[in-house]
Amino acid sequence: MTTSADPAIDPAQIRGPRKLGPLTPLVGEWEGDAGVDLSYHNDDDETSHTSYFERAVFRPIPIQENGRQKLWGLNYSMTAWRHGEEAMDPFHDEIGFLLWDKADGQVIRNVVFGRGIAILAGGDAGPESRELHFDAKPGEPSYGILQNRYLMNRAEIRDFTSTFTIVDDDTFSYTSDLRLRLAATGAEMHHTDRNTLHRVKRYHPGTAAG
């Protein structure tokens, strides 16, 4: 008979209930110093790259119930500073929720950007998925995009796609792509971001998460 103390059992291969499904590996605090942003800079009237440092925090929330729908999830924040400006105001800040709908096999990203943009994006995923895809389009009744009037007139968002990739137990990376129509140039462009982050703090029962 095999017991829990059996040395032949590798604890790393034992999975708990994983109520957070594919979001489970993200719980904790993360930092990444290899961020790259490609965007249009109004002051210089050019599209160029910016490198950045980023901090992300993912905390579990209570189960959410919409009638028979049950959602498990995380609230999160992601904040980025341009290299050389780490002691100054961040150039990017977002807060939101990542949600797991086990019954429908969906991951949902409900995010608000400090620039006056709100996006509800989603995609198909399984409980052990290592790549999480989030897509949204303006006008879609489920996964859509809203932005303030100024941005709508000057940098209208036409499409949003993003992917979180669980690299290993202490590393995840992401890509993000906002397809914009710029009034300044009359053309479309892809505002992209990518970074790889490493876990700097775990959350465990009985320890403070804040």
N, C-alpha and C. Protein backbone atom coordinates (compact mmCIF):
# COMPACT_ATOMS: atom_id res chain seq x y z
N MET A 1 0.85 -1.20 0.00
CA MET A 1 0.00 0.00 0.00
C MET A 1 0.88 1.24 0.00
N THR A 2 0.54 2.22 -0.86
CA THR A 2 1.32 3.45 -0.95
C THR A 2 0.74 4.50 -0.02
N THR A 3 1.59 5.17 0.73
CA THR A 3 1.14 6.23 1.63
C THR A 3 1.64 7.57 1.14
N SER A 4 1.12 8.65 1.78
CA SER A 4 1.52 9.99 1.36
C SER A 4 2.98 10.26 1.64
N ALA A 5 3.60 9.45 2.53
CA ALA A 5 5.01 9.64 2.85
C ALA A 5 5.92 8.81 1.97
N ASP A 6 5.34 8.07 1.03
CA ASP A 6 6.12 7.21 0.16
C ASP A 6 7.11 8.04 -0.64
N PRO A 7 8.42 7.76 -0.51
CA PRO A 7 9.43 8.56 -1.24
C PRO A 7 9.33 8.42 -2.75
N ALA A 8 8.59 7.41 -3.22
CA ALA A 8 8.46 7.23 -4.67
C ALA A 8 7.50 8.25 -5.29
N ILE A 9 6.75 8.95 -4.45
CA ILE A 9 5.78 9.93 -4.95
C ILE A 9 6.44 11.29 -5.06
N ASP A 10 6.36 11.90 -6.20
CA ASP A 10 6.90 13.23 -6.43
C ASP A 10 5.81 14.26 -6.13
N PRO A 11 5.94 15.07 -5.08
CA PRO A 11 4.90 16.05 -4.74
C PRO A 11 4.59 17.01 -5.87
N ALA A 12 5.60 17.27 -6.72
CA ALA A 12 5.38 18.22 -7.82
C ALA A 12 4.39 17.69 -8.84
N GLN A 13 4.17 16.36 -8.84
CA GLN A 13 3.26 15.78 -9.80
C GLN A 13 1.83 15.61 -9.26
N ILE A 14 1.63 16.00 -7.99
CA ILE A 14 0.31 15.86 -7.38
C ILE A 14 -0.44 17.18 -7.54
N ARG A 15 -1.63 17.12 -8.12
CA ARG A 15 -2.42 18.32 -8.36
C ARG A 15 -3.57 18.41 -7.37
N GLY A 16 -3.81 19.59 -6.83
CA GLY A 16 -4.97 19.82 -5.98
C GLY A 16 -6.19 20.05 -6.85
N PRO A 17 -7.27 20.56 -6.26
CA PRO A 17 -8.51 20.73 -7.03
C PRO A 17 -8.43 21.79 -8.12
N ARG A 18 -7.48 22.72 -8.02
CA ARG A 18 -7.29 23.76 -9.05
C ARG A 18 -8.61 24.42 -9.44
N LYS A 19 -9.31 24.96 -8.46
CA LYS A 19 -10.58 25.62 -8.75
C LYS A 19 -10.39 26.82 -9.67
N LEU A 20 -9.19 27.38 -9.69
CA LEU A 20 -8.90 28.49 -10.59
C LEU A 20 -8.54 28.01 -11.99
N GLY A 21 -8.55 26.70 -12.20
CA GLY A 21 -8.27 26.16 -13.52
C GLY A 21 -6.94 26.64 -14.06
N PRO A 22 -6.90 27.12 -15.31
CA PRO A 22 -5.63 27.54 -15.92
C PRO A 22 -5.05 28.82 -15.32
N LEU A 23 -5.84 29.51 -14.48
CA LEU A 23 -5.35 30.73 -13.82
C LEU A 23 -4.50 30.41 -12.59
N THR A 24 -4.54 29.16 -12.13
CA THR A 24 -3.87 28.77 -10.89
C THR A 24 -2.40 29.19 -10.82
N PRO A 25 -1.59 28.99 -11.87
CA PRO A 25 -0.17 29.33 -11.77
C PRO A 25 0.12 30.82 -11.59
N LEU A 26 -0.85 31.68 -11.86
CA LEU A 26 -0.59 33.12 -11.83
C LEU A 26 -0.66 33.72 -10.43
N VAL A 27 -1.22 33.00 -9.47
CA VAL A 27 -1.40 33.57 -8.14
C VAL A 27 -0.05 33.99 -7.55
N GLY A 28 0.04 35.25 -7.11
CA GLY A 28 1.27 35.75 -6.53
C GLY A 28 1.65 37.11 -7.08
N GLU A 29 2.90 37.49 -6.84
CA GLU A 29 3.42 38.77 -7.30
C GLU A 29 4.60 38.53 -8.23
N TRP A 30 4.70 39.35 -9.26
CA TRP A 30 5.64 39.11 -10.35
C TRP A 30 6.35 40.41 -10.75
N GLU A 31 7.55 40.25 -11.30
CA GLU A 31 8.28 41.39 -11.86
C GLU A 31 8.97 40.96 -13.15
N GLY A 32 9.05 41.91 -14.08
CA GLY A 32 9.72 41.66 -15.35
C GLY A 32 10.44 42.89 -15.84
N ASP A 33 11.67 42.72 -16.32
CA ASP A 33 12.50 43.86 -16.73
C ASP A 33 12.82 43.85 -18.21
N ALA A 34 12.06 43.03 -18.98
CA ALA A 34 12.38 42.89 -20.40
C ALA A 34 11.21 43.33 -21.28
N GLY A 35 10.38 44.26 -20.78
CA GLY A 35 9.22 44.70 -21.55
C GLY A 35 9.59 45.54 -22.75
N VAL A 36 8.83 45.37 -23.83
CA VAL A 36 9.01 46.18 -25.04
C VAL A 36 7.65 46.65 -25.53
N ASP A 37 7.51 47.95 -25.67
CA ASP A 37 6.27 48.59 -26.13
C ASP A 37 6.52 49.22 -27.50
N LEU A 38 5.63 48.96 -28.45
CA LEU A 38 5.68 49.62 -29.76
C LEU A 38 4.43 50.47 -29.88
N SER A 39 4.61 51.79 -29.98
CA SER A 39 3.45 52.68 -30.01
C SER A 39 3.79 53.96 -30.76
N TYR A 40 2.72 54.71 -31.06
CA TYR A 40 2.88 56.00 -31.73
C TYR A 40 3.09 57.08 -30.67
N HIS A 41 4.15 57.88 -30.85
CA HIS A 41 4.46 58.96 -29.92
C HIS A 41 4.05 60.29 -30.55
N ASN A 42 3.00 60.89 -29.99
CA ASN A 42 2.46 62.12 -30.57
C ASN A 42 3.48 63.25 -30.59
N ASP A 43 4.23 63.41 -29.50
CA ASP A 43 5.16 64.54 -29.42
C ASP A 43 6.22 64.48 -30.52
N ASP A 44 6.65 63.28 -30.88
CA ASP A 44 7.69 63.12 -31.89
C ASP A 44 7.13 62.78 -33.26
N ASP A 45 5.81 62.55 -33.35
CA ASP A 45 5.15 62.16 -34.59
C ASP A 45 5.86 60.97 -35.23
N GLU A 46 6.07 59.92 -34.41
CA GLU A 46 6.73 58.73 -34.92
C GLU A 46 6.30 57.51 -34.12
N THR A 47 6.45 56.36 -34.75
CA THR A 47 6.19 55.09 -34.07
C THR A 47 7.53 54.49 -33.67
N SER A 48 7.68 54.15 -32.39
CA SER A 48 8.97 53.65 -31.93
C SER A 48 8.79 52.72 -30.74
N HIS A 49 9.89 52.05 -30.37
CA HIS A 49 9.89 51.10 -29.27
C HIS A 49 10.30 51.77 -27.96
N THR A 50 9.75 51.28 -26.87
CA THR A 50 10.13 51.70 -25.53
C THR A 50 10.33 50.45 -24.68
N SER A 51 11.43 50.40 -23.92
CA SER A 51 11.64 49.27 -23.01
C SER A 51 11.13 49.65 -21.63
N TYR A 52 10.72 48.64 -20.85
CA TYR A 52 10.12 48.96 -19.55
C TYR A 52 10.27 47.84 -18.53
N PHE A 53 10.15 48.26 -17.26
CA PHE A 53 10.08 47.37 -16.10
C PHE A 53 8.62 47.27 -15.68
N GLU A 54 8.19 46.09 -15.22
CA GLU A 54 6.78 45.89 -14.91
C GLU A 54 6.61 45.09 -13.63
N ARG A 55 5.54 45.44 -12.90
CA ARG A 55 5.16 44.70 -11.70
C ARG A 55 3.71 44.27 -11.85
N ALA A 56 3.41 42.99 -11.53
CA ALA A 56 2.06 42.45 -11.64
C ALA A 56 1.69 41.72 -10.36
N VAL A 57 0.42 41.83 -9.97
CA VAL A 57 -0.09 41.18 -8.76
C VAL A 57 -1.40 40.48 -9.11
N PHE A 58 -1.52 39.20 -8.73
CA PHE A 58 -2.73 38.42 -8.98
C PHE A 58 -3.19 37.80 -7.66
N ARG A 59 -4.42 38.16 -7.24
CA ARG A 59 -4.96 37.67 -5.97
C ARG A 59 -6.30 36.97 -6.20
N PRO A 60 -6.51 35.80 -5.59
CA PRO A 60 -7.80 35.11 -5.73
C PRO A 60 -8.95 35.93 -5.14
N ILE A 61 -10.13 35.81 -5.75
CA ILE A 61 -11.34 36.47 -5.28
C ILE A 61 -12.36 35.39 -4.91
N PRO A 62 -13.39 35.75 -4.14
CA PRO A 62 -14.45 34.78 -3.83
C PRO A 62 -15.15 34.31 -5.11
N ILE A 63 -15.74 33.13 -5.06
CA ILE A 63 -16.48 32.61 -6.21
C ILE A 63 -17.59 33.59 -6.59
N GLN A 64 -17.77 33.80 -7.88
CA GLN A 64 -18.81 34.68 -8.41
C GLN A 64 -19.90 33.83 -9.05
N GLU A 65 -21.16 34.11 -8.74
CA GLU A 65 -22.27 33.31 -9.25
C GLU A 65 -23.27 34.19 -9.98
N ASN A 66 -23.51 33.86 -11.24
CA ASN A 66 -24.54 34.50 -12.06
C ASN A 66 -25.60 33.44 -12.35
N GLY A 67 -26.60 33.31 -11.48
CA GLY A 67 -27.54 32.22 -11.64
C GLY A 67 -26.82 30.89 -11.51
N ARG A 68 -26.88 30.06 -12.56
CA ARG A 68 -26.19 28.77 -12.53
C ARG A 68 -24.72 28.86 -12.92
N GLN A 69 -24.31 30.02 -13.43
CA GLN A 69 -22.91 30.19 -13.81
C GLN A 69 -22.05 30.43 -12.57
N LYS A 70 -20.94 29.72 -12.49
CA LYS A 70 -19.98 29.89 -11.42
C LYS A 70 -18.64 30.29 -12.02
N LEU A 71 -18.08 31.36 -11.49
CA LEU A 71 -16.81 31.87 -11.97
C LEU A 71 -15.81 31.90 -10.83
N TRP A 72 -14.63 31.34 -11.07
CA TRP A 72 -13.52 31.48 -10.15
C TRP A 72 -12.54 32.45 -10.78
N GLY A 73 -11.81 33.20 -9.95
CA GLY A 73 -10.93 34.16 -10.60
C GLY A 73 -9.95 34.88 -9.70
N LEU A 74 -9.30 35.85 -10.31
CA LEU A 74 -8.28 36.67 -9.68
C LEU A 74 -8.59 38.13 -9.94
N ASN A 75 -8.34 39.00 -8.95
CA ASN A 75 -8.21 40.40 -9.32
C ASN A 75 -6.73 40.66 -9.55
N TYR A 76 -6.43 41.62 -10.39
CA TYR A 76 -5.02 41.81 -10.74
C TYR A 76 -4.73 43.26 -11.08
N SER A 77 -3.45 43.58 -11.03
CA SER A 77 -2.96 44.88 -11.49
C SER A 77 -1.64 44.66 -12.20
N MET A 78 -1.40 45.47 -13.22
CA MET A 78 -0.12 45.44 -13.94
C MET A 78 0.31 46.90 -14.16
N THR A 79 1.50 47.23 -13.70
CA THR A 79 2.00 48.60 -13.76
C THR A 79 3.39 48.59 -14.37
N ALA A 80 3.65 49.53 -15.28
CA ALA A 80 4.93 49.53 -16.01
C ALA A 80 5.57 50.91 -15.99
N TRP A 81 6.91 50.90 -15.86
CA TRP A 81 7.71 52.12 -15.88
C TRP A 81 8.74 52.03 -16.99
N ARG A 82 8.91 53.09 -17.74
CA ARG A 82 9.99 53.11 -18.74
C ARG A 82 11.33 52.97 -18.03
N HIS A 83 12.26 52.28 -18.66
CA HIS A 83 13.60 52.18 -18.09
C HIS A 83 14.19 53.58 -17.93
N GLY A 84 14.74 53.83 -16.76
CA GLY A 84 15.26 55.16 -16.45
C GLY A 84 14.25 56.04 -15.74
N GLU A 85 12.99 55.57 -15.65
CA GLU A 85 11.94 56.35 -14.99
C GLU A 85 11.27 55.54 -13.87
N GLU A 86 12.00 54.55 -13.34
CA GLU A 86 11.40 53.66 -12.33
C GLU A 86 10.98 54.41 -11.07
N ALA A 87 11.62 55.52 -10.76
CA ALA A 87 11.27 56.28 -9.56
C ALA A 87 10.23 57.36 -9.86
N MET A 88 9.72 57.38 -11.09
CA MET A 88 8.76 58.39 -11.51
C MET A 88 7.39 57.75 -11.70
N ASP A 89 6.46 58.50 -12.27
CA ASP A 89 5.12 57.96 -12.52
C ASP A 89 5.18 56.87 -13.59
N PRO A 90 4.39 55.80 -13.45
CA PRO A 90 4.36 54.76 -14.48
C PRO A 90 3.75 55.28 -15.77
N PHE A 91 4.14 54.70 -16.91
CA PHE A 91 3.55 55.11 -18.18
C PHE A 91 2.37 54.22 -18.56
N HIS A 92 2.18 53.11 -17.81
CA HIS A 92 1.06 52.22 -18.07
C HIS A 92 0.56 51.65 -16.75
N ASP A 93 -0.78 51.61 -16.61
CA ASP A 93 -1.38 51.07 -15.40
C ASP A 93 -2.72 50.45 -15.77
N GLU A 94 -2.96 49.21 -15.34
CA GLU A 94 -4.23 48.55 -15.60
C GLU A 94 -4.65 47.74 -14.38
N ILE A 95 -5.95 47.65 -14.18
CA ILE A 95 -6.50 46.81 -13.12
C ILE A 95 -7.66 46.02 -13.72
N GLY A 96 -7.97 44.88 -13.12
CA GLY A 96 -9.07 44.11 -13.66
C GLY A 96 -9.23 42.77 -12.98
N PHE A 97 -9.93 41.87 -13.67
CA PHE A 97 -10.18 40.52 -13.20
C PHE A 97 -9.84 39.52 -14.30
N LEU A 98 -9.28 38.40 -13.91
CA LEU A 98 -9.17 37.23 -14.78
C LEU A 98 -10.12 36.19 -14.22
N LEU A 99 -11.01 35.65 -15.07
CA LEU A 99 -12.06 34.75 -14.61
C LEU A 99 -12.00 33.42 -15.35
N TRP A 100 -12.41 32.35 -14.65
CA TRP A 100 -12.42 31.00 -15.21
C TRP A 100 -13.83 30.46 -15.14
N ASP A 101 -14.42 30.19 -16.30
CA ASP A 101 -15.74 29.56 -16.40
C ASP A 101 -15.51 28.11 -16.79
N LYS A 102 -15.48 27.24 -15.79
CA LYS A 102 -15.15 25.84 -16.03
C LYS A 102 -16.19 25.16 -16.91
N ALA A 103 -17.49 25.42 -16.66
CA ALA A 103 -18.55 24.73 -17.39
C ALA A 103 -18.50 25.02 -18.88
N ASP A 104 -18.20 26.28 -19.25
CA ASP A 104 -18.16 26.65 -20.66
C ASP A 104 -16.75 26.64 -21.24
N GLY A 105 -15.74 26.34 -20.42
CA GLY A 105 -14.37 26.30 -20.92
C GLY A 105 -13.90 27.65 -21.44
N GLN A 106 -14.12 28.70 -20.66
CA GLN A 106 -13.76 30.05 -21.08
C GLN A 106 -12.88 30.73 -20.05
N VAL A 107 -11.89 31.47 -20.52
CA VAL A 107 -11.16 32.42 -19.68
C VAL A 107 -11.58 33.82 -20.10
N ILE A 108 -11.73 34.70 -19.11
CA ILE A 108 -12.25 36.04 -19.36
C ILE A 108 -11.32 37.05 -18.71
N ARG A 109 -11.00 38.10 -19.45
CA ARG A 109 -10.17 39.19 -18.94
C ARG A 109 -11.01 40.46 -18.94
N ASN A 110 -11.32 40.95 -17.77
CA ASN A 110 -12.11 42.17 -17.59
C ASN A 110 -11.13 43.23 -17.12
N VAL A 111 -10.74 44.15 -18.01
CA VAL A 111 -9.63 45.06 -17.70
C VAL A 111 -10.00 46.51 -17.98
N VAL A 112 -9.51 47.38 -17.10
CA VAL A 112 -9.68 48.83 -17.27
C VAL A 112 -8.30 49.46 -17.28
N PHE A 113 -8.01 50.23 -18.32
CA PHE A 113 -6.74 50.95 -18.43
C PHE A 113 -6.92 52.38 -17.93
N GLY A 114 -5.87 52.92 -17.31
CA GLY A 114 -5.95 54.27 -16.78
C GLY A 114 -6.17 55.34 -17.83
N ARG A 115 -6.03 55.01 -19.09
CA ARG A 115 -6.21 55.98 -20.17
C ARG A 115 -7.68 56.19 -20.54
N GLY A 116 -8.59 55.48 -19.87
CA GLY A 116 -10.01 55.60 -20.19
C GLY A 116 -10.46 54.58 -21.21
N ILE A 117 -9.98 53.35 -21.05
CA ILE A 117 -10.34 52.25 -21.93
C ILE A 117 -10.80 51.07 -21.07
N ALA A 118 -11.89 50.43 -21.48
CA ALA A 118 -12.39 49.24 -20.78
C ALA A 118 -12.60 48.13 -21.80
N ILE A 119 -12.09 46.95 -21.48
CA ILE A 119 -12.17 45.81 -22.40
C ILE A 119 -12.65 44.58 -21.65
N LEU A 120 -13.59 43.88 -22.24
CA LEU A 120 -13.97 42.54 -21.77
C LEU A 120 -13.60 41.58 -22.89
N ALA A 121 -12.56 40.77 -22.65
CA ALA A 121 -12.04 39.87 -23.68
C ALA A 121 -12.09 38.44 -23.16
N GLY A 122 -12.15 37.48 -24.09
CA GLY A 122 -12.23 36.10 -23.66
C GLY A 122 -11.78 35.14 -24.73
N GLY A 123 -11.69 33.86 -24.32
CA GLY A 123 -11.30 32.82 -25.26
C GLY A 123 -11.50 31.45 -24.65
N ASP A 124 -11.36 30.42 -25.48
CA ASP A 124 -11.51 29.04 -25.03
C ASP A 124 -10.27 28.59 -24.27
N ALA A 125 -10.48 27.77 -23.23
CA ALA A 125 -9.35 27.23 -22.46
C ALA A 125 -9.80 26.02 -21.68
N GLY A 126 -8.86 25.12 -21.43
CA GLY A 126 -9.10 23.96 -20.59
C GLY A 126 -8.49 24.17 -19.23
N PRO A 127 -8.78 23.31 -18.27
CA PRO A 127 -8.29 23.50 -16.90
C PRO A 127 -6.78 23.45 -16.77
N GLU A 128 -6.08 22.82 -17.74
CA GLU A 128 -4.62 22.73 -17.68
C GLU A 128 -3.95 23.53 -18.79
N SER A 129 -4.69 24.41 -19.46
CA SER A 129 -4.11 25.18 -20.57
C SER A 129 -2.92 26.02 -20.11
N ARG A 130 -1.89 26.04 -20.93
CA ARG A 130 -0.69 26.84 -20.63
C ARG A 130 -0.64 28.13 -21.44
N GLU A 131 -1.51 28.24 -22.45
CA GLU A 131 -1.65 29.48 -23.21
C GLU A 131 -3.09 29.96 -23.08
N LEU A 132 -3.26 31.19 -22.66
CA LEU A 132 -4.58 31.77 -22.46
C LEU A 132 -4.75 32.91 -23.45
N HIS A 133 -5.75 32.78 -24.32
CA HIS A 133 -5.98 33.78 -25.37
C HIS A 133 -7.19 34.64 -25.02
N PHE A 134 -7.03 35.95 -25.16
CA PHE A 134 -8.10 36.89 -24.87
C PHE A 134 -8.31 37.78 -26.10
N ASP A 135 -9.53 37.77 -26.64
CA ASP A 135 -9.83 38.55 -27.84
C ASP A 135 -11.08 39.39 -27.62
N ALA A 136 -11.11 40.58 -28.22
CA ALA A 136 -12.27 41.46 -28.13
C ALA A 136 -12.31 42.37 -29.35
N LYS A 137 -13.53 42.76 -29.73
CA LYS A 137 -13.73 43.68 -30.85
C LYS A 137 -14.79 44.71 -30.47
N PRO A 138 -14.67 45.94 -30.97
CA PRO A 138 -15.68 46.96 -30.69
C PRO A 138 -17.06 46.51 -31.19
N GLY A 139 -18.08 46.75 -30.41
CA GLY A 139 -19.44 46.44 -30.82
C GLY A 139 -19.89 45.02 -30.55
N GLU A 140 -18.96 44.14 -30.16
CA GLU A 140 -19.36 42.77 -29.86
C GLU A 140 -20.16 42.75 -28.55
N PRO A 141 -21.28 42.01 -28.52
CA PRO A 141 -22.12 42.02 -27.32
C PRO A 141 -21.52 41.32 -26.12
N SER A 142 -20.61 40.36 -26.33
CA SER A 142 -20.01 39.65 -25.21
C SER A 142 -18.60 40.16 -24.90
N TYR A 143 -17.70 40.02 -25.87
CA TYR A 143 -16.32 40.43 -25.66
C TYR A 143 -16.05 41.68 -26.50
N GLY A 144 -16.20 42.84 -25.85
CA GLY A 144 -16.15 44.11 -26.58
C GLY A 144 -15.18 45.11 -25.97
N ILE A 145 -15.16 46.32 -26.55
CA ILE A 145 -14.21 47.37 -26.21
C ILE A 145 -14.94 48.71 -26.10
N LEU A 146 -14.60 49.48 -25.06
CA LEU A 146 -15.08 50.85 -24.91
C LEU A 146 -13.88 51.76 -24.68
N GLN A 147 -13.96 52.99 -25.20
CA GLN A 147 -12.90 53.95 -24.98
C GLN A 147 -13.49 55.35 -24.90
N ASN A 148 -12.75 56.26 -24.26
CA ASN A 148 -13.30 57.61 -24.09
C ASN A 148 -13.35 58.34 -25.43
N ARG A 149 -14.13 59.40 -25.45
CA ARG A 149 -14.43 60.10 -26.72
C ARG A 149 -13.19 60.65 -27.40
N TYR A 150 -12.26 61.19 -26.61
CA TYR A 150 -11.03 61.74 -27.19
C TYR A 150 -10.26 60.66 -27.94
N LEU A 151 -10.07 59.51 -27.31
CA LEU A 151 -9.34 58.43 -27.96
C LEU A 151 -10.10 57.88 -29.16
N MET A 152 -11.42 57.79 -29.05
CA MET A 152 -12.21 57.30 -30.17
C MET A 152 -11.98 58.15 -31.42
N ASN A 153 -11.85 59.45 -31.23
CA ASN A 153 -11.66 60.37 -32.36
C ASN A 153 -10.22 60.40 -32.87
N ARG A 154 -9.26 59.98 -32.07
CA ARG A 154 -7.86 60.13 -32.45
C ARG A 154 -7.08 58.83 -32.56
N ALA A 155 -7.51 57.80 -31.82
CA ALA A 155 -6.82 56.51 -31.87
C ALA A 155 -7.84 55.41 -31.64
N GLU A 156 -8.74 55.26 -32.60
CA GLU A 156 -9.85 54.30 -32.45
C GLU A 156 -9.34 52.87 -32.43
N ILE A 157 -9.74 52.11 -31.41
CA ILE A 157 -9.35 50.71 -31.31
C ILE A 157 -10.23 49.87 -32.23
N ARG A 158 -9.61 49.12 -33.12
CA ARG A 158 -10.33 48.26 -34.05
C ARG A 158 -10.33 46.79 -33.62
N ASP A 159 -9.35 46.42 -32.76
CA ASP A 159 -9.24 44.99 -32.39
C ASP A 159 -8.28 44.89 -31.21
N PHE A 160 -8.53 43.90 -30.35
CA PHE A 160 -7.64 43.63 -29.22
C PHE A 160 -7.39 42.14 -29.12
N THR A 161 -6.12 41.74 -29.08
CA THR A 161 -5.75 40.35 -28.86
C THR A 161 -4.62 40.30 -27.85
N SER A 162 -4.65 39.29 -27.00
CA SER A 162 -3.61 39.14 -25.99
C SER A 162 -3.47 37.67 -25.63
N THR A 163 -2.26 37.27 -25.28
CA THR A 163 -1.99 35.89 -24.88
C THR A 163 -1.09 35.87 -23.65
N PHE A 164 -1.50 35.12 -22.64
CA PHE A 164 -0.66 34.83 -21.48
C PHE A 164 -0.11 33.40 -21.67
N THR A 165 1.18 33.24 -21.51
CA THR A 165 1.81 31.93 -21.65
C THR A 165 2.51 31.55 -20.35
N ILE A 166 2.10 30.41 -19.77
CA ILE A 166 2.76 29.91 -18.57
C ILE A 166 4.01 29.16 -19.01
N VAL A 167 5.16 29.76 -18.78
CA VAL A 167 6.42 29.17 -19.24
C VAL A 167 6.84 28.04 -18.30
N ASP A 168 6.86 28.32 -17.00
CA ASP A 168 7.13 27.31 -15.99
C ASP A 168 6.51 27.79 -14.68
N ASP A 169 6.81 27.11 -13.59
CA ASP A 169 6.15 27.40 -12.33
C ASP A 169 6.39 28.81 -11.83
N ASP A 170 7.47 29.43 -12.23
CA ASP A 170 7.80 30.76 -11.73
C ASP A 170 8.01 31.78 -12.84
N THR A 171 7.52 31.49 -14.04
CA THR A 171 7.71 32.41 -15.17
C THR A 171 6.47 32.41 -16.05
N PHE A 172 6.00 33.60 -16.42
CA PHE A 172 4.98 33.69 -17.46
C PHE A 172 5.31 34.87 -18.36
N SER A 173 4.85 34.78 -19.59
CA SER A 173 5.06 35.86 -20.55
C SER A 173 3.72 36.25 -21.16
N TYR A 174 3.68 37.41 -21.76
CA TYR A 174 2.45 37.84 -22.42
C TYR A 174 2.77 38.66 -23.66
N THR A 175 1.83 38.68 -24.57
CA THR A 175 1.84 39.60 -25.69
C THR A 175 0.48 40.29 -25.74
N SER A 176 0.47 41.51 -26.23
CA SER A 176 -0.76 42.27 -26.33
C SER A 176 -0.71 43.10 -27.61
N ASP A 177 -1.84 43.16 -28.32
CA ASP A 177 -1.88 43.87 -29.60
C ASP A 177 -3.20 44.64 -29.70
N LEU A 178 -3.08 45.96 -29.73
CA LEU A 178 -4.22 46.83 -30.01
C LEU A 178 -4.08 47.35 -31.43
N ARG A 179 -5.04 47.00 -32.28
CA ARG A 179 -5.02 47.54 -33.64
C ARG A 179 -5.78 48.85 -33.64
N LEU A 180 -5.07 49.93 -34.02
CA LEU A 180 -5.61 51.28 -33.92
C LEU A 180 -5.71 51.94 -35.28
N ARG A 181 -6.69 52.84 -35.41
CA ARG A 181 -6.72 53.75 -36.55
C ARG A 181 -6.36 55.14 -36.03
N LEU A 182 -5.21 55.68 -36.48
CA LEU A 182 -4.71 56.95 -35.98
C LEU A 182 -5.18 58.11 -36.85
N ALA A 183 -5.83 59.09 -36.21
CA ALA A 183 -6.27 60.27 -36.95
C ALA A 183 -5.08 61.07 -37.46
N ALA A 184 -3.96 61.05 -36.72
CA ALA A 184 -2.79 61.84 -37.09
C ALA A 184 -2.18 61.39 -38.40
N THR A 185 -2.26 60.09 -38.69
CA THR A 185 -1.65 59.56 -39.91
C THR A 185 -2.67 59.07 -40.93
N GLY A 186 -3.90 58.87 -40.47
CA GLY A 186 -4.93 58.33 -41.36
C GLY A 186 -4.76 56.86 -41.66
N ALA A 187 -3.85 56.19 -40.95
CA ALA A 187 -3.56 54.78 -41.20
C ALA A 187 -3.77 53.96 -39.94
N GLU A 188 -3.78 52.64 -40.13
CA GLU A 188 -3.87 51.75 -38.99
C GLU A 188 -2.46 51.33 -38.54
N MET A 189 -2.34 51.03 -37.26
CA MET A 189 -1.07 50.52 -36.73
C MET A 189 -1.37 49.53 -35.61
N HIS A 190 -0.38 48.74 -35.27
CA HIS A 190 -0.48 47.79 -34.17
C HIS A 190 0.33 48.30 -32.99
N HIS A 191 -0.38 48.64 -31.91
CA HIS A 191 0.28 49.02 -30.66
C HIS A 191 0.49 47.73 -29.88
N THR A 192 1.75 47.31 -29.75
CA THR A 192 2.03 46.01 -29.15
C THR A 192 2.86 46.15 -27.87
N ASP A 193 2.68 45.17 -26.99
CA ASP A 193 3.47 45.07 -25.77
C ASP A 193 3.82 43.60 -25.54
N ARG A 194 4.99 43.38 -24.98
CA ARG A 194 5.37 42.02 -24.60
C ARG A 194 6.34 42.08 -23.43
N ASN A 195 6.27 41.06 -22.58
CA ASN A 195 7.19 41.01 -21.46
C ASN A 195 7.21 39.58 -20.91
N THR A 196 8.26 39.27 -20.17
CA THR A 196 8.38 38.02 -19.43
C THR A 196 8.58 38.39 -17.96
N LEU A 197 7.73 37.81 -17.10
CA LEU A 197 7.77 38.14 -15.68
C LEU A 197 8.11 36.91 -14.84
N HIS A 198 8.75 37.16 -13.70
CA HIS A 198 9.17 36.09 -12.80
C HIS A 198 8.53 36.30 -11.43
N ARG A 199 8.13 35.21 -10.82
CA ARG A 199 7.45 35.30 -9.53
C ARG A 199 8.42 35.79 -8.45
N VAL A 200 7.98 36.77 -7.66
CA VAL A 200 8.79 37.28 -6.55
C VAL A 200 8.12 37.02 -5.20
N LYS A 201 6.85 36.60 -5.21
CA LYS A 201 6.16 36.29 -3.96
C LYS A 201 5.03 35.31 -4.22
N ARG A 202 4.95 34.28 -3.37
CA ARG A 202 3.85 33.33 -3.42
C ARG A 202 2.84 33.67 -2.33
N TYR A 203 1.59 33.25 -2.53
CA TYR A 203 0.57 33.39 -1.51
C TYR A 203 0.21 32.00 -0.98
N HIS A 204 0.18 31.87 0.32
CA HIS A 204 -0.18 30.60 0.94
C HIS A 204 -1.18 30.87 2.06
N PRO A 205 -2.01 29.88 2.41
CA PRO A 205 -2.93 30.04 3.53
C PRO A 205 -2.17 30.42 4.80
N GLY A 206 -2.72 31.36 5.55
CA GLY A 206 -2.10 31.76 6.81
C GLY A 206 -1.06 32.84 6.66
N THR A 207 -0.79 33.28 5.41
CA THR A 207 0.15 34.37 5.21
C THR A 207 -0.58 35.56 4.63
N ALA A 208 -0.07 36.74 4.89
CA ALA A 208 -0.71 37.96 4.38
C ALA A 208 -0.50 38.05 2.89
N ALA A 209 -1.57 38.35 2.14
CA ALA A 209 -1.46 38.49 0.70
C ALA A 209 -1.18 39.91 0.28
N GLY A 210 -1.24 40.82 1.21
CA GLY A 210 -1.04 42.22 0.85
C GLY A 210 0.35 42.71 1.19
